[in-house]
Amino acid sequence: MRILLLLPFIALLWVPFYNHELPALFGFPFFYWYQLLWVPVTSLLIWLVYRHGRRQGDE
């Protein structure tokens, strides 16, 4: 489960992947909304890993 925590790190570290202006979302270029999208996704992943750890007894 802890491997999930590498997803945001890898996704945001690979800048050439999202260094584009299109597609725009609500007027925001792709560069910005892609990064902002990872904020709640990362929070969700951290919560899932934490919950799984608590269930397994890893505190």
C-alpha atoms as a PDB file:
ATOM      1  CA  MET A   1       0.000   0.000   0.000  1.00  0.00           C
ATOM      2  CA  ARG A   2       2.813   2.430   0.764  1.00  0.00           C
ATOM      3  CA  ILE A   3       3.903   2.241  -2.863  1.00  0.00           C
ATOM      4  CA  LEU A   4       0.812   4.359  -3.634  1.00  0.00           C
ATOM      5  CA  LEU A   5       2.573   7.303  -2.005  1.00  0.00           C
ATOM      6  CA  LEU A   6       5.066   7.321  -4.866  1.00  0.00           C
ATOM      7  CA  LEU A   7       2.355   8.085  -7.438  1.00  0.00           C
ATOM      8  CA  PRO A   8       2.068  11.845  -6.730  1.00  0.00           C
ATOM      9  CA  PHE A   9       5.817  12.161  -6.428  1.00  0.00           C
ATOM     10  CA  ILE A  10       6.430  10.562  -9.819  1.00  0.00           C
ATOM     11  CA  ALA A  11       3.475  12.264 -11.493  1.00  0.00           C
ATOM     12  CA  LEU A  12       4.596  15.744 -10.424  1.00  0.00           C
ATOM     13  CA  LEU A  13       8.301  15.139 -10.860  1.00  0.00           C
ATOM     14  CA  TRP A  14       7.883  14.368 -14.580  1.00  0.00           C
ATOM     15  CA  VAL A  15       7.348  18.009 -15.651  1.00  0.00           C
ATOM     16  CA  PRO A  16       7.608  17.531 -19.453  1.00  0.00           C
ATOM     17  CA  PHE A  17       4.446  15.409 -19.262  1.00  0.00           C
ATOM     18  CA  TYR A  18       2.249  18.267 -18.043  1.00  0.00           C
ATOM     19  CA  ASN A  19       4.156  21.313 -19.302  1.00  0.00           C
ATOM     20  CA  HIS A  20       1.419  22.263 -21.784  1.00  0.00           C
ATOM     21  CA  GLU A  21      -1.222  24.895 -22.012  1.00  0.00           C
ATOM     22  CA  LEU A  22      -3.947  22.730 -23.520  1.00  0.00           C
ATOM     23  CA  PRO A  23      -6.359  21.240 -22.605  1.00  0.00           C
ATOM     24  CA  ALA A  24      -7.658  24.088 -20.516  1.00  0.00           C
ATOM     25  CA  LEU A  25     -10.190  23.496 -17.756  1.00  0.00           C
ATOM     26  CA  PHE A  26     -12.366  26.429 -16.640  1.00  0.00           C
ATOM     27  CA  GLY A  27      -9.798  28.792 -18.135  1.00  0.00           C
ATOM     28  CA  PHE A  28      -6.851  27.219 -16.298  1.00  0.00           C
ATOM     29  CA  PRO A  29      -4.045  25.873 -18.463  1.00  0.00           C
ATOM     30  CA  PHE A  30      -3.274  22.167 -18.133  1.00  0.00           C
ATOM     31  CA  PHE A  31      -0.018  22.958 -16.297  1.00  0.00           C
ATOM     32  CA  TYR A  32      -1.912  24.472 -13.358  1.00  0.00           C
ATOM     33  CA  TRP A  33      -4.997  22.303 -13.071  1.00  0.00           C
ATOM     34  CA  TYR A  34      -2.964  19.096 -13.338  1.00  0.00           C
ATOM     35  CA  GLN A  35      -0.920  20.130 -10.304  1.00  0.00           C
ATOM     36  CA  LEU A  36      -3.979  21.304  -8.411  1.00  0.00           C
ATOM     37  CA  LEU A  37      -5.732  18.015  -9.153  1.00  0.00           C
ATOM     38  CA  TRP A  38      -2.996  16.141  -7.332  1.00  0.00           C
ATOM     39  CA  VAL A  39      -3.679  17.966  -4.038  1.00  0.00           C
ATOM     40  CA  PRO A  40      -6.945  16.113  -3.236  1.00  0.00           C
ATOM     41  CA  VAL A  41      -5.706  12.922  -4.930  1.00  0.00           C
ATOM     42  CA  THR A  42      -2.604  12.924  -2.721  1.00  0.00           C
ATOM     43  CA  SER A  43      -4.733  13.562   0.373  1.00  0.00           C
ATOM     44  CA  LEU A  44      -6.947  10.622  -0.556  1.00  0.00           C
ATOM     45  CA  LEU A  45      -3.943   8.349  -1.111  1.00  0.00           C
ATOM     46  CA  ILE A  46      -2.401   9.325   2.230  1.00  0.00           C
ATOM     47  CA  TRP A  47      -5.698   8.615   3.979  1.00  0.00           C
ATOM     48  CA  LEU A  48      -6.020   5.211   2.279  1.00  0.00           C
ATOM     49  CA  VAL A  49      -2.491   4.195   3.242  1.00  0.00           C
ATOM     50  CA  TYR A  50      -3.046   5.411   6.804  1.00  0.00           C
ATOM     51  CA  ARG A  51      -6.349   3.538   7.104  1.00  0.00           C
ATOM     52  CA  HIS A  52      -4.796   0.357   5.743  1.00  0.00           C
ATOM     53  CA  GLY A  53      -1.908   0.715   8.197  1.00  0.00           C
ATOM     54  CA  ARG A  54      -4.264   1.166  11.129  1.00  0.00           C
ATOM     55  CA  ARG A  55      -6.192  -1.921  10.069  1.00  0.00           C
ATOM     56  CA  GLN A  56      -2.963  -3.945   9.896  1.00  0.00           C
ATOM     57  CA  GLY A  57      -1.811  -2.678  13.294  1.00  0.00           C
ATOM     58  CA  ASP A  58       1.023  -0.491  11.957  1.00  0.00           C
ATOM     59  CA  GLU A  59       0.768   2.742  13.857  1.00  0.00           C
END
